[in-house]
N, C-alpha and C. Protein backbone atom coordinates (compact mmCIF):
# COMPACT_ATOMS: atom_id res chain seq x y z
N MET A 1 61.88 46.96 74.72
CA MET A 1 62.44 48.28 74.78
C MET A 1 63.32 49.05 76.06
N ASP A 2 62.66 48.51 76.98
CA ASP A 2 62.99 49.27 78.15
C ASP A 2 64.35 48.88 78.65
N MET A 3 64.88 47.74 77.91
CA MET A 3 66.03 47.09 78.36
C MET A 3 67.20 47.31 77.54
N GLN A 4 67.20 47.85 76.04
CA GLN A 4 67.29 48.60 75.00
C GLN A 4 67.86 50.41 75.91
N TRP A 5 67.03 51.02 76.95
CA TRP A 5 67.09 52.07 76.80
C TRP A 5 67.94 52.13 78.32
N LEU A 6 67.42 50.77 78.84
CA LEU A 6 68.83 50.91 80.02
C LEU A 6 70.14 51.13 79.79
N ILE A 7 70.63 50.12 78.50
CA ILE A 7 71.82 49.93 78.13
C ILE A 7 72.08 51.66 77.79
N ASP A 8 71.36 51.80 77.07
CA ASP A 8 71.70 53.25 76.59
C ASP A 8 71.83 54.58 77.59
N THR A 9 71.26 54.21 78.44
CA THR A 9 71.23 55.23 79.64
C THR A 9 72.65 54.98 80.27
N ALA A 10 73.11 53.40 80.35
CA ALA A 10 73.48 52.98 81.31
C ALA A 10 75.42 53.49 80.58
N GLY A 11 75.56 53.55 78.99
CA GLY A 11 76.76 54.10 78.25
C GLY A 11 76.82 55.31 78.86
N LYS A 12 75.61 55.97 78.59
CA LYS A 12 75.84 57.47 78.68
C LYS A 12 75.96 58.04 80.28
N VAL A 13 75.60 57.10 80.97
CA VAL A 13 75.68 57.82 82.57
C VAL A 13 76.90 57.49 83.00
N GLY A 14 77.91 55.92 82.23
CA GLY A 14 78.71 55.75 83.33
C GLY A 14 80.23 56.82 83.13
N PRO A 15 80.73 57.03 81.92
CA PRO A 15 81.59 58.07 81.13
C PRO A 15 81.39 59.65 81.90
N ALA A 16 79.53 60.16 82.47
CA ALA A 16 79.36 61.04 82.48
C ALA A 16 80.00 61.56 84.67
N THR A 17 79.78 60.00 85.00
CA THR A 17 79.89 59.37 86.78
C THR A 17 81.28 59.64 86.39
N VAL A 18 82.06 59.09 85.78
CA VAL A 18 83.98 58.98 85.67
C VAL A 18 83.99 60.69 85.70
N ALA A 19 83.42 61.14 84.67
CA ALA A 19 83.87 62.60 84.16
C ALA A 19 83.56 63.41 86.05
N LEU A 20 82.79 62.97 86.32
CA LEU A 20 82.21 63.64 87.33
C LEU A 20 83.38 63.01 88.73
N ALA A 21 83.38 62.00 88.95
CA ALA A 21 84.42 61.58 90.23
C ALA A 21 85.92 62.21 89.67
N VAL A 22 85.98 62.35 88.32
CA VAL A 22 87.34 63.22 87.77
C VAL A 22 87.42 64.93 88.51
N LEU A 23 86.29 65.30 88.05
CA LEU A 23 86.19 66.62 88.34
C LEU A 23 86.33 66.90 89.80
N ALA A 24 85.53 66.41 90.45
CA ALA A 24 85.84 66.15 92.22
C ALA A 24 86.36 65.88 92.62
N ALA A 25 87.80 64.88 92.13
CA ALA A 25 88.83 64.44 92.39
C ALA A 25 89.61 65.83 91.93
N THR A 26 89.51 66.40 91.21
CA THR A 26 90.05 67.45 90.83
C THR A 26 89.95 68.82 91.51
N ILE A 27 89.03 68.80 91.35
CA ILE A 27 88.66 69.97 92.56
C ILE A 27 89.29 70.22 93.96
N ALA A 28 89.17 68.41 94.46
CA ALA A 28 89.60 68.44 96.00
C ALA A 28 91.38 68.48 95.76
N GLN A 29 91.69 68.10 94.62
CA GLN A 29 93.65 67.96 94.83
C GLN A 29 93.20 69.83 94.94
N ASN A 30 92.62 70.82 93.96
CA ASN A 30 93.41 72.33 93.51
C ASN A 30 92.61 72.87 95.13
N ARG A 31 92.20 72.54 95.72
CA ARG A 31 91.87 72.94 97.18
C ARG A 31 92.76 72.51 97.96
N TRP A 32 93.06 71.39 98.07
CA TRP A 32 94.67 71.08 99.09
C TRP A 32 95.98 72.00 98.66
N ASN A 33 96.14 71.66 97.17
CA ASN A 33 97.36 72.82 96.95
C ASN A 33 96.95 74.16 96.96
N ASN A 34 95.66 74.84 96.97
CA ASN A 34 95.72 76.24 97.38
C ASN A 34 95.94 76.25 98.91
N ALA A 35 95.40 75.15 99.21
CA ALA A 35 95.20 75.45 100.98
C ALA A 35 96.92 75.30 101.54
N VAL A 36 97.70 74.39 101.12
CA VAL A 36 99.34 74.00 101.29
C VAL A 36 99.67 75.27 100.96
N ALA A 37 99.48 75.64 99.85
CA ALA A 37 100.31 77.37 99.01
C ALA A 37 99.69 78.39 100.13
N ARG A 38 99.07 78.25 100.70
CA ARG A 38 98.30 79.58 101.52
C ARG A 38 98.64 79.47 102.49
N ARG A 39 99.06 78.08 103.69
CA ARG A 39 100.15 77.47 104.79
C ARG A 39 101.18 78.18 104.78
N SER A 40 101.58 77.89 103.49
CA SER A 40 103.20 78.26 102.98
C SER A 40 103.42 79.52 102.51
N ALA A 41 102.55 79.98 102.84
CA ALA A 41 102.83 81.76 102.07
C ALA A 41 102.37 82.30 103.86
N ALA A 42 101.58 81.62 104.42
CA ALA A 42 101.51 82.52 105.68
C ALA A 42 102.77 82.48 106.55
N VAL A 43 103.55 81.08 106.19
CA VAL A 43 104.55 80.63 107.16
C VAL A 43 106.10 81.61 106.69
N GLU A 44 105.85 81.58 105.48
CA GLU A 44 106.92 82.92 105.08
C GLU A 44 106.96 83.67 105.19
N ASP A 45 105.65 84.43 105.54
CA ASP A 45 105.26 85.62 106.05
C ASP A 45 105.58 85.88 107.74
N GLN A 46 105.04 84.61 108.08
CA GLN A 46 105.59 84.95 109.86
C GLN A 46 106.66 85.22 109.40
N LYS A 47 107.67 84.18 108.89
CA LYS A 47 109.24 84.56 109.17
C LYS A 47 109.62 85.89 108.47
N VAL A 48 108.91 86.26 107.60
CA VAL A 48 109.79 87.49 106.82
C VAL A 48 109.63 88.42 108.91
N ARG A 49 108.19 88.52 109.14
CA ARG A 49 107.97 89.63 110.17
C ARG A 49 108.75 89.07 111.71
N LEU A 50 108.82 88.13 112.12
CA LEU A 50 109.32 88.05 112.76
C LEU A 50 111.04 87.87 112.77
N ALA A 51 111.43 88.03 111.21
CA ALA A 51 112.65 88.22 111.54
C ALA A 51 113.05 90.52 111.28
N LEU A 52 111.95 90.63 110.69
CA LEU A 52 111.55 92.20 110.80
C LEU A 52 111.62 92.71 112.74
N LEU A 53 110.14 91.83 113.51
CA LEU A 53 111.01 92.31 114.82
C LEU A 53 111.75 91.55 115.80
N GLU A 54 112.86 90.65 115.02
CA GLU A 54 114.28 90.51 115.94
C GLU A 54 115.23 91.74 115.65
N ARG A 55 114.85 92.35 114.52
CA ARG A 55 116.00 93.17 113.69
C ARG A 55 115.69 94.59 114.46
N ARG A 56 114.47 94.61 114.63
CA ARG A 56 114.02 95.74 115.68
C ARG A 56 114.10 95.65 116.98
N LEU A 57 113.97 94.14 117.51
CA LEU A 57 114.07 94.27 118.59
C LEU A 57 115.72 94.78 119.39
N GLN A 58 116.64 94.15 117.90
CA GLN A 58 117.91 94.69 117.93
C GLN A 58 119.08 96.13 117.70
N ALA A 59 117.92 96.31 117.15
CA ALA A 59 118.17 98.25 116.71
C ALA A 59 117.71 98.23 118.30
N ILE A 60 117.24 98.43 118.47
CA ILE A 60 116.49 98.83 120.64
C ILE A 60 117.45 98.68 121.56
N ALA A 61 117.97 97.22 121.46
CA ALA A 61 118.87 96.50 122.18
C ALA A 61 120.03 97.58 121.85
N ASP A 62 120.59 97.32 120.86
CA ASP A 62 121.62 98.20 120.61
C ASP A 62 121.91 99.91 121.12
N LEU A 63 120.83 100.40 120.78
CA LEU A 63 120.57 102.01 121.38
C LEU A 63 120.61 102.06 122.51
N ASP A 64 120.34 100.99 123.34
CA ASP A 64 120.47 101.10 125.08
C ASP A 64 121.85 100.71 125.10
N GLN A 65 122.37 99.92 124.76
CA GLN A 65 123.55 99.50 124.78
C GLN A 65 124.42 101.01 124.80
N PHE A 66 124.42 101.81 123.81
CA PHE A 66 124.68 102.63 123.72
C PHE A 66 124.98 103.54 125.00
N ARG A 67 123.19 104.27 125.08
CA ARG A 67 122.74 105.00 126.02
C ARG A 67 124.11 104.06 127.45
N THR A 68 123.83 102.77 127.97
CA THR A 68 124.63 102.28 129.29
C THR A 68 126.05 102.46 129.27
N LYS A 69 126.97 102.72 127.62
CA LYS A 69 127.76 103.06 127.73
C LYS A 69 128.08 104.93 128.04
N LEU A 70 127.11 105.38 127.71
CA LEU A 70 127.29 106.94 127.69
C LEU A 70 126.95 107.42 129.48
N ASP A 71 126.35 106.14 129.94
CA ASP A 71 126.03 106.72 131.00
C ASP A 71 127.83 106.52 132.22
N LEU A 72 128.19 105.43 131.47
CA LEU A 72 129.80 104.84 132.42
C LEU A 72 130.63 106.29 132.17
N ARG A 73 130.23 106.61 131.03
CA ARG A 73 132.08 107.73 131.37
C ARG A 73 131.45 108.48 130.22
N ASP A 74 132.26 109.98 130.44
CA ASP A 74 131.80 111.07 129.40
C ASP A 74 132.99 111.07 128.40
N GLY A 75 131.73 111.45 127.64
CA GLY A 75 132.67 111.50 126.03
C GLY A 75 132.18 109.71 125.84
N ILE A 76 132.27 110.05 123.88
CA ILE A 76 131.55 109.09 123.47
C ILE A 76 133.49 108.34 122.55
N ASP A 77 133.27 107.15 123.30
CA ASP A 77 134.77 106.78 122.69
C ASP A 77 133.90 105.77 121.16
N GLU A 78 135.61 105.49 120.11
CA GLU A 78 135.23 105.27 118.70
C GLU A 78 134.49 103.45 118.95
N ASP A 79 134.68 102.68 120.00
CA ASP A 79 133.85 101.64 119.84
C ASP A 79 132.37 102.66 120.44
N GLY A 80 132.27 102.94 121.22
CA GLY A 80 130.99 103.64 121.88
C GLY A 80 130.35 104.32 119.83
N LEU A 81 130.62 104.99 119.36
CA LEU A 81 130.72 105.52 118.21
C LEU A 81 130.33 105.15 117.07
N GLN A 82 130.96 103.28 117.04
CA GLN A 82 130.95 103.06 115.80
C GLN A 82 129.20 101.74 116.16
N LYS A 83 129.03 101.64 117.90
CA LYS A 83 127.90 100.91 118.37
C LYS A 83 126.99 102.08 117.62
N PHE A 84 127.00 103.07 118.04
CA PHE A 84 125.52 104.23 117.82
C PHE A 84 125.73 104.36 116.59
N ASN A 85 126.92 104.39 115.54
CA ASN A 85 126.33 104.28 113.94
C ASN A 85 126.01 103.26 113.82
N ASN A 86 126.25 102.01 114.06
CA ASN A 86 125.98 100.43 113.67
C ASN A 86 124.28 100.23 114.31
N ALA A 87 123.98 100.73 115.63
CA ALA A 87 122.36 101.01 115.69
C ALA A 87 121.59 102.26 115.20
N MET A 88 122.30 103.14 114.82
CA MET A 88 121.36 104.18 113.56
C MET A 88 121.41 103.69 112.31
N ASP A 89 122.19 102.54 111.63
CA ASP A 89 121.91 102.07 110.53
C ASP A 89 120.67 101.46 110.25
N LEU A 90 121.09 100.54 111.36
CA LEU A 90 119.98 98.96 111.83
C LEU A 90 119.22 99.62 112.22
N ALA A 91 118.61 100.91 112.95
CA ALA A 91 117.09 101.36 113.26
C ALA A 91 116.70 102.26 111.51
N GLU A 92 117.86 102.45 110.75
CA GLU A 92 117.23 103.21 109.89
C GLU A 92 116.62 101.98 108.70
N LEU A 93 116.99 101.28 108.67
CA LEU A 93 116.99 100.50 107.74
C LEU A 93 115.30 98.91 108.38
N VAL A 94 115.00 98.99 109.86
CA VAL A 94 113.56 98.87 110.25
C VAL A 94 112.70 99.72 110.43
N PHE A 95 113.12 100.76 111.22
CA PHE A 95 112.22 101.91 111.45
C PHE A 95 112.35 102.54 110.06
N PRO A 96 111.79 103.03 108.59
CA PRO A 96 112.02 104.26 107.84
C PRO A 96 111.11 104.85 107.86
N SER A 97 109.90 104.65 108.95
CA SER A 97 109.17 105.76 108.69
C SER A 97 109.67 107.07 110.06
N ALA A 98 111.01 106.46 110.72
CA ALA A 98 111.12 107.76 111.92
C ALA A 98 112.80 108.14 111.70
N GLU A 99 112.87 108.78 110.55
CA GLU A 99 113.59 109.48 109.92
C GLU A 99 114.17 110.59 110.46
N GLU A 100 113.18 111.33 110.92
CA GLU A 100 113.45 113.16 111.53
C GLU A 100 113.83 112.46 112.99
N HIS A 101 113.53 111.43 113.52
CA HIS A 101 114.27 110.89 114.72
C HIS A 101 115.14 111.02 115.02
N MET A 102 115.55 110.00 113.60
CA MET A 102 117.47 108.94 113.77
C MET A 102 118.28 110.35 113.12
N ARG A 103 117.56 111.43 112.94
CA ARG A 103 118.56 113.06 112.40
C ARG A 103 118.65 113.39 113.39
N ASN A 104 117.27 113.84 114.16
CA ASN A 104 118.28 114.21 115.93
C ASN A 104 118.47 113.28 116.63
N CYS A 105 118.89 112.46 116.65
CA CYS A 105 119.73 111.50 117.74
C CYS A 105 121.22 111.45 117.39
N HIS A 106 121.20 111.47 115.77
CA HIS A 106 122.74 112.43 114.92
C HIS A 106 123.18 113.15 115.41
N SER A 107 122.48 114.57 114.91
CA SER A 107 123.05 115.60 115.66
C SER A 107 123.04 115.93 117.33
N HIS A 108 122.13 115.18 118.17
CA HIS A 108 122.49 115.52 119.31
C HIS A 108 123.77 114.60 119.70
N ALA A 109 124.03 113.39 119.26
CA ALA A 109 125.34 112.64 119.74
C ALA A 109 126.56 113.59 119.10
N PHE A 110 126.43 114.06 117.84
CA PHE A 110 127.57 114.85 117.65
C PHE A 110 128.06 115.53 118.66
N ALA A 111 126.40 117.09 118.37
CA ALA A 111 127.12 118.29 119.68
C ALA A 111 127.76 118.07 120.78
N TYR A 112 127.24 116.87 121.31
CA TYR A 112 127.96 116.27 122.66
C TYR A 112 129.27 115.41 122.58
N GLU A 113 129.76 114.97 121.44
CA GLU A 113 131.17 114.96 121.28
C GLU A 113 131.60 115.87 121.03
N GLU A 114 131.15 117.09 120.56
CA GLU A 114 131.70 118.10 120.35
C GLU A 114 132.15 118.64 121.28
N SER A 115 131.35 118.77 122.28
CA SER A 115 131.50 119.56 123.35
C SER A 115 132.08 119.01 124.07
N HIS A 116 131.89 117.88 124.11
CA HIS A 116 133.46 116.69 125.17
C HIS A 116 134.49 117.15 124.75
N LEU A 117 134.98 117.40 123.49
CA LEU A 117 136.16 117.68 122.82
C LEU A 117 136.77 119.55 123.69
N HIS A 118 135.52 119.95 123.64
CA HIS A 118 135.82 121.31 124.25
C HIS A 118 136.30 121.26 125.85
N VAL A 119 135.90 120.42 126.61
CA VAL A 119 135.94 120.46 127.64
C VAL A 119 137.62 119.96 128.14
N VAL A 120 137.61 118.50 127.12
CA VAL A 120 138.83 118.10 127.21
C VAL A 120 140.35 119.08 126.87
N ARG A 121 140.28 119.73 125.66
CA ARG A 121 140.77 120.83 125.17
C ARG A 121 140.82 122.37 126.06
N ALA A 122 139.72 122.50 127.64
CA ALA A 122 139.90 123.58 127.82
C ALA A 122 140.82 123.13 129.50
N ALA A 123 140.03 121.70 129.23
CA ALA A 123 140.75 121.07 130.47
C ALA A 123 142.16 121.09 130.21
N MET A 124 143.25 120.31 128.95
CA MET A 124 144.11 120.18 128.82
C MET A 124 145.21 121.90 129.19
N ARG A 125 144.57 122.65 129.02
CA ARG A 125 145.24 124.01 129.07
C ARG A 125 144.67 124.43 130.01
N GLY A 126 144.73 123.97 130.82
CA GLY A 126 144.47 124.92 132.39
C GLY A 126 143.20 125.43 132.44
N ASP A 127 142.18 125.96 131.70
CA ASP A 127 141.62 126.89 132.31
C ASP A 127 140.35 126.24 132.68
N THR A 128 140.19 126.53 133.97
CA THR A 128 139.38 125.82 135.13
C THR A 128 138.01 126.96 134.70
N GLU A 129 137.78 127.93 134.16
CA GLU A 129 136.43 128.64 134.01
C GLU A 129 135.93 128.58 132.27
N ARG A 130 136.82 128.24 131.49
CA ARG A 130 135.98 127.26 130.18
C ARG A 130 135.94 126.39 130.36
N CYS A 131 137.14 125.45 131.05
CA CYS A 131 136.50 123.76 131.40
C CYS A 131 135.18 123.64 131.84
N ALA A 132 134.56 124.61 132.58
CA ALA A 132 133.58 124.63 133.72
C ALA A 132 132.52 124.64 133.00
N GLN A 133 132.69 126.27 132.03
CA GLN A 133 131.74 126.44 131.07
C GLN A 133 131.32 124.97 129.90
N ALA A 134 132.37 124.62 129.56
CA ALA A 134 132.20 123.12 128.53
C ALA A 134 131.17 122.55 129.32
N LYS A 135 132.09 122.10 130.29
CA LYS A 135 131.23 121.07 130.81
C LYS A 135 129.47 120.91 131.35
N GLN A 136 129.36 122.04 131.56
CA GLN A 136 127.90 122.82 131.79
C GLN A 136 127.25 122.83 130.51
N VAL A 137 127.74 122.58 129.29
CA VAL A 137 127.38 122.87 127.73
C VAL A 137 127.33 121.51 127.48
N MET A 138 128.23 120.71 127.93
CA MET A 138 128.65 119.30 127.62
C MET A 138 127.15 118.67 128.60
N ASP A 139 127.08 118.63 129.40
CA ASP A 139 125.58 118.08 130.41
C ASP A 139 124.13 118.39 129.90
N ALA A 140 124.24 120.01 129.30
CA ALA A 140 122.77 120.09 128.89
C ALA A 140 123.05 119.19 127.64
N ARG A 141 123.71 119.30 126.97
CA ARG A 141 123.75 118.32 125.59
C ARG A 141 123.61 116.89 125.63
N ARG A 142 124.31 116.30 126.89
CA ARG A 142 123.89 114.92 127.24
C ARG A 142 122.71 114.69 127.40
N ARG A 143 121.84 115.57 128.23
CA ARG A 143 120.50 115.69 128.72
C ARG A 143 119.34 115.79 126.99
N GLU A 144 120.17 116.37 126.83
CA GLU A 144 118.89 116.34 125.28
C GLU A 144 119.20 115.34 124.14
N LEU A 145 120.44 114.66 124.34
CA LEU A 145 120.90 113.39 124.05
C LEU A 145 119.95 112.29 124.58
N ASP A 146 120.18 111.99 125.80
CA ASP A 146 119.29 111.09 126.14
C ASP A 146 117.74 111.61 126.16
N VAL A 147 117.01 112.93 126.40
CA VAL A 147 116.11 112.97 125.67
C VAL A 147 115.47 112.38 124.50
N THR A 148 116.35 112.66 123.18
CA THR A 148 115.77 111.88 122.34
C THR A 148 116.59 110.80 122.25
N LEU A 149 117.46 109.77 122.35
CA LEU A 149 117.33 108.83 122.72
C LEU A 149 115.92 107.89 123.33
N SER A 150 115.73 108.37 124.52
CA SER A 150 114.83 107.56 124.90
C SER A 150 113.16 108.10 124.09
N GLN A 151 113.22 108.88 123.02
CA GLN A 151 111.73 109.51 122.59
C GLN A 151 112.47 107.90 121.41
N MET A 152 113.34 108.16 121.03
CA MET A 152 113.17 107.55 119.41
C MET A 152 113.22 105.43 120.26
N ARG A 153 113.81 105.67 121.24
CA ARG A 153 113.71 103.94 122.12
C ARG A 153 112.00 103.75 122.05
N GLU A 154 111.13 104.72 122.69
CA GLU A 154 109.72 104.88 122.91
C GLU A 154 109.15 104.44 121.43
N ILE A 155 109.42 105.39 120.28
CA ILE A 155 108.90 105.38 118.78
C ILE A 155 109.19 103.23 118.35
N MET A 156 110.34 103.44 118.78
CA MET A 156 110.78 102.22 117.78
C MET A 156 110.17 100.95 118.89
N ILE A 157 110.10 100.79 120.24
CA ILE A 157 109.02 99.91 120.90
C ILE A 157 107.41 100.03 119.87
N THR A 158 107.02 101.32 120.34
CA THR A 158 105.51 101.06 119.82
C THR A 158 105.48 100.68 118.63
N ARG A 159 106.43 100.71 117.53
CA ARG A 159 106.51 100.06 116.01
C ARG A 159 106.74 98.48 116.45
N ALA A 160 107.56 98.73 117.02
CA ALA A 160 108.22 97.12 117.08
C ALA A 160 106.82 96.08 117.63
N ARG A 161 105.53 97.01 118.88
CA ARG A 161 104.65 96.23 119.26
C ARG A 161 103.24 95.81 118.24
N MET A 162 103.50 96.85 117.19
CA MET A 162 102.05 97.16 116.55
C MET A 162 101.53 96.07 115.71
N ASP A 163 100.48 95.60 115.84
CA ASP A 163 99.93 93.54 115.53
C ASP A 163 100.26 93.81 114.11
N ASP A 164 100.12 94.70 113.08
CA ASP A 164 100.48 94.16 111.62
C ASP A 164 102.12 93.83 111.59
N VAL A 165 102.80 94.63 112.20
CA VAL A 165 103.87 93.98 112.39
C VAL A 165 104.47 92.55 112.86
N SER A 166 104.16 92.40 114.40
CA SER A 166 104.37 91.36 115.10
C SER A 166 103.46 90.24 114.99
N PRO A 167 104.23 89.21 114.94
CA PRO A 167 103.60 87.96 114.01
C PRO A 167 103.22 87.32 115.63
N LEU A 168 103.70 87.38 116.87
CA LEU A 168 103.72 86.63 117.85
C LEU A 168 102.17 87.56 118.79
N PRO A 169 102.08 86.73 119.63
CA PRO A 169 100.86 87.02 120.04
C PRO A 169 101.34 87.53 121.35
N PRO A 170 100.25 89.03 121.46
CA PRO A 170 100.73 90.08 122.92
C PRO A 170 101.07 89.38 123.89
N PRO A 171 101.23 88.29 124.84
CA PRO A 171 101.63 88.03 125.82
C PRO A 171 102.83 87.49 125.63
N LEU A 172 103.21 86.82 124.50
CA LEU A 172 104.85 86.30 124.20
C LEU A 172 105.47 87.63 124.04
N ALA A 173 105.17 88.42 122.99
CA ALA A 173 105.70 89.70 122.74
C ALA A 173 106.22 90.59 123.93
N VAL A 174 105.61 90.95 124.42
CA VAL A 174 105.74 91.35 126.31
C VAL A 174 107.04 90.61 126.31
N ARG A 175 106.27 89.47 127.08
CA ARG A 175 107.48 88.44 127.84
C ARG A 175 108.69 88.98 127.02
N ILE A 176 108.95 88.94 125.88
CA ILE A 176 109.96 88.81 125.26
C ILE A 176 110.61 90.15 125.18
N GLY A 177 109.70 91.17 125.02
CA GLY A 177 110.21 92.92 125.27
C GLY A 177 110.67 92.83 126.79
N ARG A 178 109.95 92.12 128.00
CA ARG A 178 110.70 92.02 129.24
C ARG A 178 112.12 91.71 129.91
N ALA A 179 112.30 90.59 128.63
CA ALA A 179 112.97 89.49 128.79
C ALA A 179 114.42 90.58 128.27
N VAL A 180 114.44 91.50 127.63
CA VAL A 180 115.17 92.33 126.67
C VAL A 180 115.33 93.69 127.64
N TRP A 181 114.38 94.11 128.10
CA TRP A 181 114.43 95.61 128.40
C TRP A 181 113.90 95.59 129.55
N GLY A 182 113.57 94.39 130.54
CA GLY A 182 113.30 94.77 132.11
C GLY A 182 112.04 94.78 132.16
N ARG A 183 111.29 95.01 133.63
CA ARG A 183 110.13 95.65 133.87
C ARG A 183 109.68 97.41 132.93
N ARG A 184 110.67 97.64 132.68
CA ARG A 184 109.86 99.39 131.91
C ARG A 184 109.18 98.89 130.79
N PHE A 185 109.33 97.61 130.16
CA PHE A 185 108.50 97.37 128.80
C PHE A 185 107.08 97.20 129.06
């Protein structure tokens, strides 16, 4: 009887053991697949975040180039205006919550350009008094534009540094910022 019981038990335990082994292997494989999927999703998320950070850095660099161009000469030439528009388009894309500041930048830039045209027209007519007045207005609008661009830049830098946006560890993000903008970052 004991031998029969062993044979019966072995007949029942064998398939159960095989089923448990298959189940354990399936669970291990599913865990591995889930871990791989999570890692690949994390890598894709990192890539998207890094691309967004790069676009934001590019938008800030474009605005800085525009400001530098503005510092070098009076008025905004076609190339400078195109750079400004490109920078603002990119900024609108990667900083959607800063719309009000972008509108201010646009309005100040066009007001500055308009006042520059008044200076040029007055100079062409030879009206020195109006030219001097228009130059004062142009300088005031230039200061307003510079302040607005500085505020916009600070907002953009702050948002580009945010932990939920930047996949880079803070020291690396700071090093990149310093490489792009110098010590002021």
